[in-house]
Amino acid sequence: MPPATGVHMWDTLFDKAIARIVKAGTLVVEMPDGASRRYGDGTGDPVILRLKDRDLPRRILLNPDLAVGEGYMNGTLEIEDDDLYGFMGLAVKNLAAGNKFWWQLALE
């Protein structure tokens, strides 16, 4: 059964937002439907995230700081090998370079 239109919309927006943010390093995201997406320039050890909840891409887009933390704590966002330092390093490096969600740019 194909995904509902709303789910597909959030997955597409999530994909575009992460592609805009992650320019340096390598991030692999395994979506709840099993699809795997790769972001960044391919350098460094890849950080692999598994999203286990269909609603998580939407929640991350709407409130990334809260949704990523909650997802990690409740197990709906898994970081392979519990590489929290690798994930945070990748995020900080890219956010420090000015790569942000589109709506964050409007707040500057």
C-alpha atoms as a PDB file:
ATOM      1  CA  MET A   1       0.000   0.000   0.000  1.00  0.00           C
ATOM      2  CA  PRO A   2       1.515   3.386  -0.971  1.00  0.00           C
ATOM      3  CA  PRO A   3       2.121   5.930   1.794  1.00  0.00           C
ATOM      4  CA  ALA A   4      -0.546   8.485   2.546  1.00  0.00           C
ATOM      5  CA  THR A   5      -0.056  11.817   0.815  1.00  0.00           C
ATOM      6  CA  GLY A   6       0.664  13.617   4.100  1.00  0.00           C
ATOM      7  CA  VAL A   7       3.327  11.085   5.084  1.00  0.00           C
ATOM      8  CA  HIS A   8       4.967  11.332   1.670  1.00  0.00           C
ATOM      9  CA  MET A   9       4.964  15.127   1.893  1.00  0.00           C
ATOM     10  CA  TRP A  10       6.793  15.110   5.240  1.00  0.00           C
ATOM     11  CA  ASP A  11       9.331  12.543   4.020  1.00  0.00           C
ATOM     12  CA  THR A  12      10.039  14.713   0.968  1.00  0.00           C
ATOM     13  CA  LEU A  13      10.405  17.862   3.066  1.00  0.00           C
ATOM     14  CA  PHE A  14      12.627  15.991   5.523  1.00  0.00           C
ATOM     15  CA  ASP A  15      14.840  14.779   2.673  1.00  0.00           C
ATOM     16  CA  LYS A  16      15.219  18.296   1.252  1.00  0.00           C
ATOM     17  CA  ALA A  17      15.921  19.834   4.656  1.00  0.00           C
ATOM     18  CA  ILE A  18      18.593  17.300   5.608  1.00  0.00           C
ATOM     19  CA  ALA A  19      20.220  17.625   2.165  1.00  0.00           C
ATOM     20  CA  ARG A  20      20.380  21.394   2.731  1.00  0.00           C
ATOM     21  CA  ILE A  21      21.951  21.030   6.178  1.00  0.00           C
ATOM     22  CA  VAL A  22      24.390  18.129   5.802  1.00  0.00           C
ATOM     23  CA  LYS A  23      27.041  19.253   3.321  1.00  0.00           C
ATOM     24  CA  ALA A  24      30.211  18.009   5.090  1.00  0.00           C
ATOM     25  CA  GLY A  25      30.725  14.455   6.317  1.00  0.00           C
ATOM     26  CA  THR A  26      28.441  11.508   5.704  1.00  0.00           C
ATOM     27  CA  LEU A  27      24.986  10.910   7.136  1.00  0.00           C
ATOM     28  CA  VAL A  28      22.912   7.860   6.224  1.00  0.00           C
ATOM     29  CA  VAL A  29      19.262   7.911   7.264  1.00  0.00           C
ATOM     30  CA  GLU A  30      17.161   4.758   7.172  1.00  0.00           C
ATOM     31  CA  MET A  31      13.544   5.855   6.948  1.00  0.00           C
ATOM     32  CA  PRO A  32      10.664   4.016   8.663  1.00  0.00           C
ATOM     33  CA  ASP A  33       9.613   2.487   5.323  1.00  0.00           C
ATOM     34  CA  GLY A  34      13.081   0.930   4.892  1.00  0.00           C
ATOM     35  CA  ALA A  35      14.376   3.414   2.320  1.00  0.00           C
ATOM     36  CA  SER A  36      17.950   4.544   2.887  1.00  0.00           C
ATOM     37  CA  ARG A  37      19.162   8.049   2.051  1.00  0.00           C
ATOM     38  CA  ARG A  38      22.729   9.370   2.038  1.00  0.00           C
ATOM     39  CA  TYR A  39      23.686  12.995   2.677  1.00  0.00           C
ATOM     40  CA  GLY A  40      26.897  15.000   2.693  1.00  0.00           C
ATOM     41  CA  ASP A  41      30.112  14.899   0.703  1.00  0.00           C
ATOM     42  CA  GLY A  42      31.017  11.311   1.581  1.00  0.00           C
ATOM     43  CA  THR A  43      33.965  12.187   3.816  1.00  0.00           C
ATOM     44  CA  GLY A  44      34.680  10.698   7.222  1.00  0.00           C
ATOM     45  CA  ASP A  45      33.073   7.772   8.952  1.00  0.00           C
ATOM     46  CA  PRO A  46      29.365   7.623   8.156  1.00  0.00           C
ATOM     47  CA  VAL A  47      26.869   8.341  10.903  1.00  0.00           C
ATOM     48  CA  ILE A  48      23.862   6.077  10.469  1.00  0.00           C
ATOM     49  CA  LEU A  49      20.434   7.004  11.840  1.00  0.00           C
ATOM     50  CA  ARG A  50      17.386   4.761  11.847  1.00  0.00           C
ATOM     51  CA  LEU A  51      13.997   6.425  12.107  1.00  0.00           C
ATOM     52  CA  LYS A  52      11.514   3.931  13.578  1.00  0.00           C
ATOM     53  CA  ASP A  53       8.383   6.101  13.677  1.00  0.00           C
ATOM     54  CA  ARG A  54       6.443   7.307  10.604  1.00  0.00           C
ATOM     55  CA  ASP A  55       5.724  10.627  12.313  1.00  0.00           C
ATOM     56  CA  LEU A  56       9.339  11.351  13.267  1.00  0.00           C
ATOM     57  CA  PRO A  57      10.339  13.194  10.048  1.00  0.00           C
ATOM     58  CA  ARG A  58       7.441  15.623  10.577  1.00  0.00           C
ATOM     59  CA  ARG A  59       8.305  16.137  14.236  1.00  0.00           C
ATOM     60  CA  ILE A  60      11.973  16.717  13.412  1.00  0.00           C
ATOM     61  CA  LEU A  61      11.069  19.346  10.830  1.00  0.00           C
ATOM     62  CA  LEU A  62       8.744  21.186  13.178  1.00  0.00           C
ATOM     63  CA  ASN A  63      10.959  21.098  16.270  1.00  0.00           C
ATOM     64  CA  PRO A  64      14.333  19.478  15.526  1.00  0.00           C
ATOM     65  CA  ASP A  65      16.002  19.969  18.912  1.00  0.00           C
ATOM     66  CA  LEU A  66      13.116  18.451  20.854  1.00  0.00           C
ATOM     67  CA  ALA A  67      12.204  15.700  18.361  1.00  0.00           C
ATOM     68  CA  VAL A  68      15.750  14.395  17.907  1.00  0.00           C
ATOM     69  CA  GLY A  69      16.345  14.263  21.668  1.00  0.00           C
ATOM     70  CA  GLU A  70      12.994  12.661  22.420  1.00  0.00           C
ATOM     71  CA  GLY A  71      13.352  10.208  19.544  1.00  0.00           C
ATOM     72  CA  TYR A  72      16.787   9.126  20.762  1.00  0.00           C
ATOM     73  CA  MET A  73      15.587   8.730  24.346  1.00  0.00           C
ATOM     74  CA  ASN A  74      12.443   6.730  23.474  1.00  0.00           C
ATOM     75  CA  GLY A  75      14.128   4.573  20.829  1.00  0.00           C
ATOM     76  CA  THR A  76      12.297   5.841  17.743  1.00  0.00           C
ATOM     77  CA  LEU A  77      15.567   7.385  16.519  1.00  0.00           C
ATOM     78  CA  GLU A  78      18.506   5.007  16.678  1.00  0.00           C
ATOM     79  CA  ILE A  79      22.121   5.998  16.082  1.00  0.00           C
ATOM     80  CA  GLU A  80      24.158   3.019  14.900  1.00  0.00           C
ATOM     81  CA  ASP A  81      26.707   1.905  17.507  1.00  0.00           C
ATOM     82  CA  ASP A  82      25.247   4.613  19.792  1.00  0.00           C
ATOM     83  CA  ASP A  83      27.702   7.017  18.126  1.00  0.00           C
ATOM     84  CA  LEU A  84      26.185  10.083  19.771  1.00  0.00           C
ATOM     85  CA  TYR A  85      29.518  11.926  19.603  1.00  0.00           C
ATOM     86  CA  GLY A  86      29.797  11.267  15.869  1.00  0.00           C
ATOM     87  CA  PHE A  87      26.218  12.429  15.292  1.00  0.00           C
ATOM     88  CA  MET A  88      26.632  15.569  17.394  1.00  0.00           C
ATOM     89  CA  GLY A  89      29.981  16.349  15.747  1.00  0.00           C
ATOM     90  CA  LEU A  90      28.426  16.045  12.293  1.00  0.00           C
ATOM     91  CA  ALA A  91      25.470  18.220  13.290  1.00  0.00           C
ATOM     92  CA  VAL A  92      27.596  20.913  14.950  1.00  0.00           C
ATOM     93  CA  LYS A  93      30.046  21.062  12.038  1.00  0.00           C
ATOM     94  CA  ASN A  94      27.264  21.568   9.502  1.00  0.00           C
ATOM     95  CA  LEU A  95      25.156  23.949  11.579  1.00  0.00           C
ATOM     96  CA  ALA A  96      28.256  26.046  12.421  1.00  0.00           C
ATOM     97  CA  ALA A  97      28.863  26.386   8.674  1.00  0.00           C
ATOM     98  CA  GLY A  98      25.478  28.125   8.410  1.00  0.00           C
ATOM     99  CA  ASN A  99      23.522  25.166   7.039  1.00  0.00           C
ATOM    100  CA  LYS A 100      20.053  25.408   8.546  1.00  0.00           C
ATOM    101  CA  PHE A 101      16.449  24.424   8.048  1.00  0.00           C
ATOM    102  CA  TRP A 102      14.772  26.831   5.614  1.00  0.00           C
ATOM    103  CA  TRP A 103      12.526  28.309   8.295  1.00  0.00           C
ATOM    104  CA  GLN A 104      15.520  29.047  10.543  1.00  0.00           C
ATOM    105  CA  LEU A 105      16.923  31.317   7.823  1.00  0.00           C
ATOM    106  CA  ALA A 106      13.786  33.461   8.019  1.00  0.00           C
ATOM    107  CA  LEU A 107      14.394  34.058  11.738  1.00  0.00           C
ATOM    108  CA  GLU A 108      17.835  35.624  11.200  1.00  0.00           C
END
